Amino acid sequence: MGIIKPSDGVIFADSATEEAFNSLPENDWLKKAIERAIEKLKENVFTGQKIKNELIPKEYVKKYRVNNIWWYPLPNAWRLIYSIAADKVEILAVIIEYMDHKNYERRFNY
């Protein structure tokens, strides 16, 4: 079993992703799935699967200044992409985006 570490919070990396999430209807399957994922990330920030550093898209590094990327499985082969940010006081899960499997494969060149 891997490391278990509750996060001090879950935030969105940018307002566009947060607004897209908030604009989903309350009964939408994707919104419910992301809400469940957020609860899981609060319980354990390491609940997803780490993506190899060499596969991290350069645009993520440039735009979000991240050095780690994780994915969490959502229903219907969708993926929630997040990073873990930490300092001496807090550890946060930072949601970068969510996408279907086809776009996930394109983004990470699988």
PDB file of N, CA and C in Angstrom:
ATOM      1  N   MET A   1       0.841  -1.190   0.000  1.00  0.00           N
ATOM      2  CA  MET A   1       0.000   0.000   0.000  1.00  0.00           C
ATOM      3  C   MET A   1       0.878   1.242   0.000  1.00  0.00           C
ATOM      4  N   GLY A   2       0.478   2.270  -0.739  1.00  0.00           N
ATOM      5  CA  GLY A   2       1.265   3.491  -0.878  1.00  0.00           C
ATOM      6  C   GLY A   2       1.107   4.430   0.305  1.00  0.00           C
ATOM      7  N   ILE A   3       1.677   5.581   0.133  1.00  0.00           N
ATOM      8  CA  ILE A   3       1.626   6.626   1.153  1.00  0.00           C
ATOM      9  C   ILE A   3       0.204   7.150   1.273  1.00  0.00           C
ATOM     10  N   ILE A   4      -0.218   7.396   2.498  1.00  0.00           N
ATOM     11  CA  ILE A   4      -1.524   8.007   2.745  1.00  0.00           C
ATOM     12  C   ILE A   4      -1.280   9.314   3.479  1.00  0.00           C
ATOM     13  N   LYS A   5      -1.684  10.429   2.874  1.00  0.00           N
ATOM     14  CA  LYS A   5      -1.498  11.740   3.457  1.00  0.00           C
ATOM     15  C   LYS A   5      -2.701  12.607   3.108  1.00  0.00           C
ATOM     16  N   PRO A   6      -3.504  12.970   4.102  1.00  0.00           N
ATOM     17  CA  PRO A   6      -4.619  13.878   3.817  1.00  0.00           C
ATOM     18  C   PRO A   6      -4.096  15.216   3.296  1.00  0.00           C
ATOM     19  N   SER A   7      -4.848  15.834   2.414  1.00  0.00           N
ATOM     20  CA  SER A   7      -4.454  17.158   1.931  1.00  0.00           C
ATOM     21  C   SER A   7      -5.084  18.209   2.832  1.00  0.00           C
ATOM     22  N   ASP A   8      -4.472  19.367   2.835  1.00  0.00           N
ATOM     23  CA  ASP A   8      -5.023  20.491   3.586  1.00  0.00           C
ATOM     24  C   ASP A   8      -6.067  21.229   2.767  1.00  0.00           C
ATOM     25  N   GLY A   9      -6.219  20.831   1.524  1.00  0.00           N
ATOM     26  CA  GLY A   9      -7.212  21.442   0.664  1.00  0.00           C
ATOM     27  C   GLY A   9      -7.060  20.985  -0.770  1.00  0.00           C
ATOM     28  N   VAL A  10      -8.105  21.241  -1.537  1.00  0.00           N
ATOM     29  CA  VAL A  10      -8.097  20.960  -2.971  1.00  0.00           C
ATOM     30  C   VAL A  10      -8.509  22.249  -3.658  1.00  0.00           C
ATOM     31  N   ILE A  11      -7.669  22.711  -4.577  1.00  0.00           N
ATOM     32  CA  ILE A  11      -7.945  23.948  -5.294  1.00  0.00           C
ATOM     33  C   ILE A  11      -7.820  23.696  -6.794  1.00  0.00           C
ATOM     34  N   PHE A  12      -8.316  24.638  -7.574  1.00  0.00           N
ATOM     35  CA  PHE A  12      -8.165  24.577  -9.025  1.00  0.00           C
ATOM     36  C   PHE A  12      -6.960  25.422  -9.429  1.00  0.00           C
ATOM     37  N   ALA A  13      -6.243  24.968 -10.422  1.00  0.00           N
ATOM     38  CA  ALA A  13      -5.038  25.669 -10.868  1.00  0.00           C
ATOM     39  C   ALA A  13      -5.363  27.011 -11.518  1.00  0.00           C
ATOM     40  N   ASP A  14      -6.527  27.101 -12.142  1.00  0.00           N
ATOM     41  CA  ASP A  14      -6.907  28.371 -12.766  1.00  0.00           C
ATOM     42  C   ASP A  14      -8.416  28.560 -12.702  1.00  0.00           C
ATOM     43  N   SER A  15      -8.815  29.799 -12.883  1.00  0.00           N
ATOM     44  CA  SER A  15     -10.233  30.134 -12.759  1.00  0.00           C
ATOM     45  C   SER A  15     -11.067  29.538 -13.886  1.00  0.00           C
ATOM     46  N   ALA A  16     -10.495  29.358 -15.073  1.00  0.00           N
ATOM     47  CA  ALA A  16     -11.260  28.793 -16.194  1.00  0.00           C
ATOM     48  C   ALA A  16     -11.697  27.363 -15.896  1.00  0.00           C
ATOM     49  N   THR A  17     -10.794  26.562 -15.335  1.00  0.00           N
ATOM     50  CA  THR A  17     -11.141  25.180 -14.990  1.00  0.00           C
ATOM     51  C   THR A  17     -12.171  25.156 -13.871  1.00  0.00           C
ATOM     52  N   GLU A  18     -11.992  26.016 -12.894  1.00  0.00           N
ATOM     53  CA  GLU A  18     -12.951  26.085 -11.787  1.00  0.00           C
ATOM     54  C   GLU A  18     -14.322  26.540 -12.280  1.00  0.00           C
ATOM     55  N   GLU A  19     -14.357  27.529 -13.148  1.00  0.00           N
ATOM     56  CA  GLU A  19     -15.634  28.010 -13.689  1.00  0.00           C
ATOM     57  C   GLU A  19     -16.316  26.941 -14.534  1.00  0.00           C
ATOM     58  N   ALA A  20     -15.535  26.199 -15.321  1.00  0.00           N
ATOM     59  CA  ALA A  20     -16.112  25.114 -16.125  1.00  0.00           C
ATOM     60  C   ALA A  20     -16.732  24.056 -15.218  1.00  0.00           C
ATOM     61  N   PHE A  21     -16.032  23.713 -14.142  1.00  0.00           N
ATOM     62  CA  PHE A  21     -16.563  22.747 -13.180  1.00  0.00           C
ATOM     63  C   PHE A  21     -17.842  23.288 -12.530  1.00  0.00           C
ATOM     64  N   ASN A  22     -17.795  24.530 -12.058  1.00  0.00           N
ATOM     65  CA  ASN A  22     -18.958  25.120 -11.387  1.00  0.00           C
ATOM     66  C   ASN A  22     -20.155  25.286 -12.313  1.00  0.00           C
ATOM     67  N   SER A  23     -19.913  25.394 -13.618  1.00  0.00           N
ATOM     68  CA  SER A  23     -21.022  25.580 -14.559  1.00  0.00           C
ATOM     69  C   SER A  23     -21.723  24.262 -14.917  1.00  0.00           C
ATOM     70  N   LEU A  24     -21.122  23.132 -14.553  1.00  0.00           N
ATOM     71  CA  LEU A  24     -21.774  21.848 -14.802  1.00  0.00           C
ATOM     72  C   LEU A  24     -23.053  21.765 -13.962  1.00  0.00           C
ATOM     73  N   PRO A  25     -24.127  21.212 -14.507  1.00  0.00           N
ATOM     74  CA  PRO A  25     -25.358  21.060 -13.727  1.00  0.00           C
ATOM     75  C   PRO A  25     -25.110  20.186 -12.491  1.00  0.00           C
ATOM     76  N   GLU A  26     -25.814  20.474 -11.413  1.00  0.00           N
ATOM     77  CA  GLU A  26     -25.623  19.752 -10.148  1.00  0.00           C
ATOM     78  C   GLU A  26     -25.827  18.244 -10.295  1.00  0.00           C
ATOM     79  N   ASN A  27     -26.729  17.819 -11.171  1.00  0.00           N
ATOM     80  CA  ASN A  27     -27.002  16.385 -11.320  1.00  0.00           C
ATOM     81  C   ASN A  27     -26.176  15.732 -12.430  1.00  0.00           C
ATOM     82  N   ASP A  28     -25.222  16.459 -13.007  1.00  0.00           N
ATOM     83  CA  ASP A  28     -24.369  15.933 -14.076  1.00  0.00           C
ATOM     84  C   ASP A  28     -23.442  14.863 -13.519  1.00  0.00           C
ATOM     85  N   TRP A  29     -23.293  13.761 -14.244  1.00  0.00           N
ATOM     86  CA  TRP A  29     -22.456  12.649 -13.777  1.00  0.00           C
ATOM     87  C   TRP A  29     -21.011  13.087 -13.593  1.00  0.00           C
ATOM     88  N   LEU A  30     -20.530  13.958 -14.485  1.00  0.00           N
ATOM     89  CA  LEU A  30     -19.139  14.396 -14.407  1.00  0.00           C
ATOM     90  C   LEU A  30     -18.908  15.263 -13.175  1.00  0.00           C
ATOM     91  N   LYS A  31     -19.848  16.159 -12.890  1.00  0.00           N
ATOM     92  CA  LYS A  31     -19.700  17.008 -11.697  1.00  0.00           C
ATOM     93  C   LYS A  31     -19.690  16.145 -10.434  1.00  0.00           C
ATOM     94  N   LYS A  32     -20.598  15.181 -10.378  1.00  0.00           N
ATOM     95  CA  LYS A  32     -20.637  14.294  -9.215  1.00  0.00           C
ATOM     96  C   LYS A  32     -19.346  13.494  -9.087  1.00  0.00           C
ATOM     97  N   ALA A  33     -18.820  13.030 -10.208  1.00  0.00           N
ATOM     98  CA  ALA A  33     -17.576  12.252 -10.185  1.00  0.00           C
ATOM     99  C   ALA A  33     -16.403  13.105  -9.714  1.00  0.00           C
ATOM    100  N   ILE A  34     -16.338  14.343 -10.173  1.00  0.00           N
ATOM    101  CA  ILE A  34     -15.255  15.235  -9.742  1.00  0.00           C
ATOM    102  C   ILE A  34     -15.404  15.565  -8.266  1.00  0.00           C
ATOM    103  N   GLU A  35     -16.627  15.761  -7.810  1.00  0.00           N
ATOM    104  CA  GLU A  35     -16.844  16.010  -6.378  1.00  0.00           C
ATOM    105  C   GLU A  35     -16.371  14.822  -5.533  1.00  0.00           C
ATOM    106  N   ARG A  36     -16.654  13.607  -5.995  1.00  0.00           N
ATOM    107  CA  ARG A  36     -16.168  12.412  -5.279  1.00  0.00           C
ATOM    108  C   ARG A  36     -14.639  12.361  -5.301  1.00  0.00           C
ATOM    109  N   ALA A  37     -14.055  12.702  -6.437  1.00  0.00           N
ATOM    110  CA  ALA A  37     -12.591  12.718  -6.544  1.00  0.00           C
ATOM    111  C   ALA A  37     -11.991  13.744  -5.579  1.00  0.00           C
ATOM    112  N   ILE A  38     -12.612  14.885  -5.476  1.00  0.00           N
ATOM    113  CA  ILE A  38     -12.131  15.921  -4.546  1.00  0.00           C
ATOM    114  C   ILE A  38     -12.161  15.399  -3.115  1.00  0.00           C
ATOM    115  N   GLU A  39     -13.223  14.692  -2.747  1.00  0.00           N
ATOM    116  CA  GLU A  39     -13.294  14.111  -1.397  1.00  0.00           C
ATOM    117  C   GLU A  39     -12.183  13.088  -1.188  1.00  0.00           C
ATOM    118  N   LYS A  40     -11.914  12.270  -2.195  1.00  0.00           N
ATOM    119  CA  LYS A  40     -10.826  11.283  -2.101  1.00  0.00           C
ATOM    120  C   LYS A  40      -9.473  11.979  -1.960  1.00  0.00           C
ATOM    121  N   LEU A  41      -9.271  13.060  -2.701  1.00  0.00           N
ATOM    122  CA  LEU A  41      -8.014  13.806  -2.608  1.00  0.00           C
ATOM    123  C   LEU A  41      -7.848  14.469  -1.243  1.00  0.00           C
ATOM    124  N   LYS A  42      -8.953  14.861  -0.638  1.00  0.00           N
ATOM    125  CA  LYS A  42      -8.880  15.416   0.723  1.00  0.00           C
ATOM    126  C   LYS A  42      -8.447  14.339   1.715  1.00  0.00           C
ATOM    127  N   GLU A  43      -8.926  13.121   1.493  1.00  0.00           N
ATOM    128  CA  GLU A  43      -8.564  12.002   2.372  1.00  0.00           C
ATOM    129  C   GLU A  43      -7.119  11.559   2.163  1.00  0.00           C
ATOM    130  N   ASN A  44      -6.675  11.573   0.900  1.00  0.00           N
ATOM    131  CA  ASN A  44      -5.323  11.122   0.578  1.00  0.00           C
ATOM    132  C   ASN A  44      -4.873  11.771  -0.722  1.00  0.00           C
ATOM    133  N   VAL A  45      -3.966  12.707  -0.620  1.00  0.00           N
ATOM    134  CA  VAL A  45      -3.500  13.443  -1.788  1.00  0.00           C
ATOM    135  C   VAL A  45      -2.778  12.526  -2.785  1.00  0.00           C
ATOM    136  N   PHE A  46      -2.312  11.370  -2.331  1.00  0.00           N
ATOM    137  CA  PHE A  46      -1.598  10.423  -3.192  1.00  0.00           C
ATOM    138  C   PHE A  46      -2.527   9.334  -3.752  1.00  0.00           C
ATOM    139  N   THR A  47      -3.821   9.565  -3.772  1.00  0.00           N
ATOM    140  CA  THR A  47      -4.776   8.548  -4.196  1.00  0.00           C
ATOM    141  C   THR A  47      -4.721   8.258  -5.695  1.00  0.00           C
ATOM    142  N   GLY A  48      -4.206   9.169  -6.489  1.00  0.00           N
ATOM    143  CA  GLY A  48      -4.121   8.968  -7.934  1.00  0.00           C
ATOM    144  C   GLY A  48      -2.879   8.207  -8.340  1.00  0.00           C
ATOM    145  N   GLN A  49      -2.641   8.179  -9.639  1.00  0.00           N
ATOM    146  CA  GLN A  49      -1.472   7.527 -10.219  1.00  0.00           C
ATOM    147  C   GLN A  49      -0.502   8.603 -10.691  1.00  0.00           C
ATOM    148  N   LYS A  50       0.756   8.483 -10.280  1.00  0.00           N
ATOM    149  CA  LYS A  50       1.761   9.461 -10.685  1.00  0.00           C
ATOM    150  C   LYS A  50       2.119   9.255 -12.153  1.00  0.00           C
ATOM    151  N   ILE A  51       2.257  10.355 -12.868  1.00  0.00           N
ATOM    152  CA  ILE A  51       2.680  10.342 -14.257  1.00  0.00           C
ATOM    153  C   ILE A  51       4.186  10.598 -14.278  1.00  0.00           C
ATOM    154  N   LYS A  52       4.906   9.821 -15.068  1.00  0.00           N
ATOM    155  CA  LYS A  52       6.356   9.975 -15.143  1.00  0.00           C
ATOM    156  C   LYS A  52       6.724  11.412 -15.516  1.00  0.00           C
ATOM    157  N   ASN A  53       7.768  11.914 -14.883  1.00  0.00           N
ATOM    158  CA  ASN A  53       8.186  13.305 -15.109  1.00  0.00           C
ATOM    159  C   ASN A  53       8.445  13.617 -16.579  1.00  0.00           C
ATOM    160  N   GLU A  54       9.017  12.669 -17.307  1.00  0.00           N
ATOM    161  CA  GLU A  54       9.323  12.940 -18.709  1.00  0.00           C
ATOM    162  C   GLU A  54       8.063  13.056 -19.574  1.00  0.00           C
ATOM    163  N   LEU A  55       6.923  12.647 -19.044  1.00  0.00           N
ATOM    164  CA  LEU A  55       5.661  12.744 -19.781  1.00  0.00           C
ATOM    165  C   LEU A  55       4.855  13.992 -19.432  1.00  0.00           C
ATOM    166  N   ILE A  56       5.317  14.764 -18.453  1.00  0.00           N
ATOM    167  CA  ILE A  56       4.584  15.980 -18.072  1.00  0.00           C
ATOM    168  C   ILE A  56       4.629  16.953 -19.248  1.00  0.00           C
ATOM    169  N   PRO A  57       3.471  17.378 -19.730  1.00  0.00           N
ATOM    170  CA  PRO A  57       3.451  18.320 -20.858  1.00  0.00           C
ATOM    171  C   PRO A  57       4.188  19.615 -20.515  1.00  0.00           C
ATOM    172  N   LYS A  58       4.967  20.099 -21.455  1.00  0.00           N
ATOM    173  CA  LYS A  58       5.731  21.331 -21.239  1.00  0.00           C
ATOM    174  C   LYS A  58       4.815  22.512 -20.915  1.00  0.00           C
ATOM    175  N   GLU A  59       3.614  22.501 -21.493  1.00  0.00           N
ATOM    176  CA  GLU A  59       2.691  23.604 -21.210  1.00  0.00           C
ATOM    177  C   GLU A  59       2.281  23.629 -19.739  1.00  0.00           C
ATOM    178  N   TYR A  60       2.186  22.463 -19.094  1.00  0.00           N
ATOM    179  CA  TYR A  60       1.882  22.425 -17.660  1.00  0.00           C
ATOM    180  C   TYR A  60       3.027  23.043 -16.859  1.00  0.00           C
ATOM    181  N   VAL A  61       4.241  22.682 -17.227  1.00  0.00           N
ATOM    182  CA  VAL A  61       5.414  23.202 -16.514  1.00  0.00           C
ATOM    183  C   VAL A  61       5.479  24.716 -16.668  1.00  0.00           C
ATOM    184  N   LYS A  62       5.267  25.183 -17.887  1.00  0.00           N
ATOM    185  CA  LYS A  62       5.347  26.619 -18.162  1.00  0.00           C
ATOM    186  C   LYS A  62       4.191  27.392 -17.514  1.00  0.00           C
ATOM    187  N   LYS A  63       2.979  26.898 -17.702  1.00  0.00           N
ATOM    188  CA  LYS A  63       1.794  27.627 -17.231  1.00  0.00           C
ATOM    189  C   LYS A  63       1.585  27.519 -15.723  1.00  0.00           C
ATOM    190  N   TYR A  64       1.808  26.314 -15.158  1.00  0.00           N
ATOM    191  CA  TYR A  64       1.491  26.086 -13.749  1.00  0.00           C
ATOM    192  C   TYR A  64       2.728  25.914 -12.864  1.00  0.00           C
ATOM    193  N   ARG A  65       3.901  25.839 -13.483  1.00  0.00           N
ATOM    194  CA  ARG A  65       5.163  25.672 -12.745  1.00  0.00           C
ATOM    195  C   ARG A  65       5.129  24.442 -11.841  1.00  0.00           C
ATOM    196  N   VAL A  66       4.694  23.341 -12.414  1.00  0.00           N
ATOM    197  CA  VAL A  66       4.593  22.081 -11.664  1.00  0.00           C
ATOM    198  C   VAL A  66       5.760  21.163 -11.993  1.00  0.00           C
ATOM    199  N   ASN A  67       6.094  20.310 -11.045  1.00  0.00           N
ATOM    200  CA  ASN A  67       7.142  19.315 -11.285  1.00  0.00           C
ATOM    201  C   ASN A  67       6.640  17.905 -10.983  1.00  0.00           C
ATOM    202  N   ASN A  68       5.334  17.795 -10.751  1.00  0.00           N
ATOM    203  CA  ASN A  68       4.704  16.491 -10.548  1.00  0.00           C
ATOM    204  C   ASN A  68       3.276  16.552 -11.055  1.00  0.00           C
ATOM    205  N   ILE A  69       2.832  15.477 -11.672  1.00  0.00           N
ATOM    206  CA  ILE A  69       1.469  15.387 -12.197  1.00  0.00           C
ATOM    207  C   ILE A  69       0.927  14.009 -11.846  1.00  0.00           C
ATOM    208  N   TRP A  70      -0.316  13.988 -11.454  1.00  0.00           N
ATOM    209  CA  TRP A  70      -1.020  12.758 -11.093  1.00  0.00           C
ATOM    210  C   TRP A  70      -2.327  12.712 -11.862  1.00  0.00           C
ATOM    211  N   TRP A  71      -2.841  11.511 -12.070  1.00  0.00           N
ATOM    212  CA  TRP A  71      -4.178  11.388 -12.659  1.00  0.00           C
ATOM    213  C   TRP A  71      -5.031  10.518 -11.749  1.00  0.00           C
ATOM    214  N   TYR A  72      -6.304  10.856 -11.728  1.00  0.00           N
ATOM    215  CA  TYR A  72      -7.280  10.109 -10.935  1.00  0.00           C
ATOM    216  C   TYR A  72      -8.374   9.656 -11.897  1.00  0.00           C
ATOM    217  N   PRO A  73      -8.741   8.369 -11.863  1.00  0.00           N
ATOM    218  CA  PRO A  73      -9.754   7.876 -12.806  1.00  0.00           C
ATOM    219  C   PRO A  73     -11.167   8.350 -12.454  1.00  0.00           C
ATOM    220  N   LEU A  74     -11.855   8.821 -13.474  1.00  0.00           N
ATOM    221  CA  LEU A  74     -13.262   9.200 -13.360  1.00  0.00           C
ATOM    222  C   LEU A  74     -14.069   8.204 -14.195  1.00  0.00           C
ATOM    223  N   PRO A  75     -15.373   8.132 -13.987  1.00  0.00           N
ATOM    224  CA  PRO A  75     -16.195   7.215 -14.793  1.00  0.00           C
ATOM    225  C   PRO A  75     -16.091   7.526 -16.292  1.00  0.00           C
ATOM    226  N   ASN A  76     -16.479   6.550 -17.099  1.00  0.00           N
ATOM    227  CA  ASN A  76     -16.519   6.684 -18.559  1.00  0.00           C
ATOM    228  C   ASN A  76     -15.151   7.012 -19.152  1.00  0.00           C
ATOM    229  N   ALA A  77     -14.100   6.503 -18.507  1.00  0.00           N
ATOM    230  CA  ALA A  77     -12.716   6.656 -18.969  1.00  0.00           C
ATOM    231  C   ALA A  77     -12.239   8.111 -18.985  1.00  0.00           C
ATOM    232  N   TRP A  78     -12.815   8.940 -18.142  1.00  0.00           N
ATOM    233  CA  TRP A  78     -12.332  10.317 -17.996  1.00  0.00           C
ATOM    234  C   TRP A  78     -11.207  10.326 -16.975  1.00  0.00           C
ATOM    235  N   ARG A  79     -10.422  11.391 -16.982  1.00  0.00           N
ATOM    236  CA  ARG A  79      -9.286  11.545 -16.078  1.00  0.00           C
ATOM    237  C   ARG A  79      -9.307  12.930 -15.442  1.00  0.00           C
ATOM    238  N   LEU A  80      -8.993  12.963 -14.156  1.00  0.00           N
ATOM    239  CA  LEU A  80      -8.780  14.224 -13.448  1.00  0.00           C
ATOM    240  C   LEU A  80      -7.267  14.371 -13.310  1.00  0.00           C
ATOM    241  N   ILE A  81      -6.724  15.465 -13.797  1.00  0.00           N
ATOM    242  CA  ILE A  81      -5.283  15.703 -13.766  1.00  0.00           C
ATOM    243  C   ILE A  81      -5.010  16.711 -12.651  1.00  0.00           C
ATOM    244  N   TYR A  82      -4.073  16.352 -11.767  1.00  0.00           N
ATOM    245  CA  TYR A  82      -3.763  17.256 -10.655  1.00  0.00           C
ATOM    246  C   TYR A  82      -2.284  17.197 -10.311  1.00  0.00           C
ATOM    247  N   SER A  83      -1.876  18.166  -9.537  1.00  0.00           N
ATOM    248  CA  SER A  83      -0.513  18.226  -9.045  1.00  0.00           C
ATOM    249  C   SER A  83      -0.578  18.345  -7.527  1.00  0.00           C
ATOM    250  N   ILE A  84       0.514  18.025  -6.881  1.00  0.00           N
ATOM    251  CA  ILE A  84       0.600  18.160  -5.426  1.00  0.00           C
ATOM    252  C   ILE A  84       1.559  19.309  -5.127  1.00  0.00           C
ATOM    253  N   ALA A  85       1.059  20.292  -4.394  1.00  0.00           N
ATOM    254  CA  ALA A  85       1.864  21.442  -3.991  1.00  0.00           C
ATOM    255  C   ALA A  85       2.037  21.396  -2.487  1.00  0.00           C
ATOM    256  N   ALA A  86       3.252  21.601  -2.036  1.00  0.00           N
ATOM    257  CA  ALA A  86       3.513  21.531  -0.597  1.00  0.00           C
ATOM    258  C   ALA A  86       4.516  22.586  -0.190  1.00  0.00           C
ATOM    259  N   ASP A  87       4.327  23.072   1.019  1.00  0.00           N
ATOM    260  CA  ASP A  87       5.346  23.892   1.653  1.00  0.00           C
ATOM    261  C   ASP A  87       5.525  23.350   3.063  1.00  0.00           C
ATOM    262  N   LYS A  88       6.127  24.069   3.931  1.00  0.00           N
ATOM    263  CA  LYS A  88       6.381  23.562   5.285  1.00  0.00           C
ATOM    264  C   LYS A  88       5.111  23.438   6.113  1.00  0.00           C
ATOM    265  N   VAL A  89       4.036  24.083   5.678  1.00  0.00           N
ATOM    266  CA  VAL A  89       2.807  24.119   6.472  1.00  0.00           C
ATOM    267  C   VAL A  89       1.669  23.314   5.855  1.00  0.00           C
ATOM    268  N   GLU A  90       1.501  23.412   4.543  1.00  0.00           N
ATOM    269  CA  GLU A  90       0.340  22.808   3.884  1.00  0.00           C
ATOM    270  C   GLU A  90       0.739  21.884   2.747  1.00  0.00           C
ATOM    271  N   ILE A  91      -0.174  20.961   2.462  1.00  0.00           N
ATOM    272  CA  ILE A  91      -0.078  20.138   1.258  1.00  0.00           C
ATOM    273  C   ILE A  91      -1.429  20.245   0.548  1.00  0.00           C
ATOM    274  N   LEU A  92      -1.384  20.623  -0.725  1.00  0.00           N
ATOM    275  CA  LEU A  92      -2.603  20.855  -1.494  1.00  0.00           C
ATOM    276  C   LEU A  92      -2.635  19.991  -2.737  1.00  0.00           C
ATOM    277  N   ALA A  93      -3.824  19.575  -3.112  1.00  0.00           N
ATOM    278  CA  ALA A  93      -4.052  18.969  -4.421  1.00  0.00           C
ATOM    279  C   ALA A  93      -4.535  20.103  -5.327  1.00  0.00           C
ATOM    280  N   VAL A  94      -3.867  20.281  -6.448  1.00  0.00           N
ATOM    281  CA  VAL A  94      -4.184  21.366  -7.371  1.00  0.00           C
ATOM    282  C   VAL A  94      -4.723  20.755  -8.664  1.00  0.00           C
ATOM    283  N   ILE A  95      -6.025  20.915  -8.892  1.00  0.00           N
ATOM    284  CA  ILE A  95      -6.664  20.354 -10.083  1.00  0.00           C
ATOM    285  C   ILE A  95      -6.284  21.202 -11.292  1.00  0.00           C
ATOM    286  N   ILE A  96      -5.673  20.552 -12.267  1.00  0.00           N
ATOM    287  CA  ILE A  96      -5.244  21.243 -13.474  1.00  0.00           C
ATOM    288  C   ILE A  96      -6.321  21.175 -14.549  1.00  0.00           C
ATOM    289  N   GLU A  97      -6.839  19.986 -14.791  1.00  0.00           N
ATOM    290  CA  GLU A  97      -7.920  19.835 -15.761  1.00  0.00           C
ATOM    291  C   GLU A  97      -8.521  18.441 -15.656  1.00  0.00           C
ATOM    292  N   TYR A  98      -9.600  18.239 -16.368  1.00  0.00           N
ATOM    293  CA  TYR A  98     -10.209  16.927 -16.484  1.00  0.00           C
ATOM    294  C   TYR A  98     -10.566  16.738 -17.944  1.00  0.00           C
ATOM    295  N   MET A  99     -10.475  15.477 -18.393  1.00  0.00           N
ATOM    296  CA  MET A  99     -10.679  15.226 -19.819  1.00  0.00           C
ATOM    297  C   MET A  99     -11.064  13.776 -20.050  1.00  0.00           C
ATOM    298  N   ASP A 100     -11.580  13.515 -21.245  1.00  0.00           N
ATOM    299  CA  ASP A 100     -11.879  12.132 -21.597  1.00  0.00           C
ATOM    300  C   ASP A 100     -10.577  11.419 -21.963  1.00  0.00           C
ATOM    301  N   HIS A 101     -10.662  10.102 -22.098  1.00  0.00           N
ATOM    302  CA  HIS A 101      -9.461   9.299 -22.314  1.00  0.00           C
ATOM    303  C   HIS A 101      -8.752   9.641 -23.625  1.00  0.00           C
ATOM    304  N   LYS A 102      -9.508   9.930 -24.652  1.00  0.00           N
ATOM    305  CA  LYS A 102      -8.917  10.265 -25.956  1.00  0.00           C
ATOM    306  C   LYS A 102      -8.040  11.514 -25.836  1.00  0.00           C
ATOM    307  N   ASN A 103      -8.551  12.548 -25.197  1.00  0.00           N
ATOM    308  CA  ASN A 103      -7.772  13.770 -25.020  1.00  0.00           C
ATOM    309  C   ASN A 103      -6.610  13.559 -24.052  1.00  0.00           C
ATOM    310  N   TYR A 104      -6.807  12.697 -23.072  1.00  0.00           N
ATOM    311  CA  TYR A 104      -5.731  12.348 -22.142  1.00  0.00           C
ATOM    312  C   TYR A 104      -4.571  11.705 -22.913  1.00  0.00           C
ATOM    313  N   GLU A 105      -4.885  10.763 -23.795  1.00  0.00           N
ATOM    314  CA  GLU A 105      -3.848  10.111 -24.582  1.00  0.00           C
ATOM    315  C   GLU A 105      -3.108  11.102 -25.469  1.00  0.00           C
ATOM    316  N   ARG A 106      -3.840  12.037 -26.052  1.00  0.00           N
ATOM    317  CA  ARG A 106      -3.207  13.063 -26.881  1.00  0.00           C
ATOM    318  C   ARG A 106      -2.293  13.964 -26.052  1.00  0.00           C
ATOM    319  N   ARG A 107      -2.795  14.389 -24.910  1.00  0.00           N
ATOM    320  CA  ARG A 107      -2.035  15.313 -24.068  1.00  0.00           C
ATOM    321  C   ARG A 107      -0.722  14.701 -23.586  1.00  0.00           C
ATOM    322  N   PHE A 108      -0.756  13.404 -23.251  1.00  0.00           N
ATOM    323  CA  PHE A 108       0.419  12.756 -22.696  1.00  0.00           C
ATOM    324  C   PHE A 108       1.145  11.862 -23.706  1.00  0.00           C
ATOM    325  N   ASN A 109       0.776  11.982 -24.967  1.00  0.00           N
ATOM    326  CA  ASN A 109       1.452  11.273 -26.065  1.00  0.00           C
ATOM    327  C   ASN A 109       1.530   9.755 -25.867  1.00  0.00           C
ATOM    328  N   TYR A 110       0.410   9.159 -25.468  1.00  0.00           N
ATOM    329  CA  TYR A 110       0.379   7.700 -25.320  1.00  0.00           C
ATOM    330  C   TYR A 110       0.016   7.056 -26.637  1.00  0.00           C
TER     331      TYR A 110
END
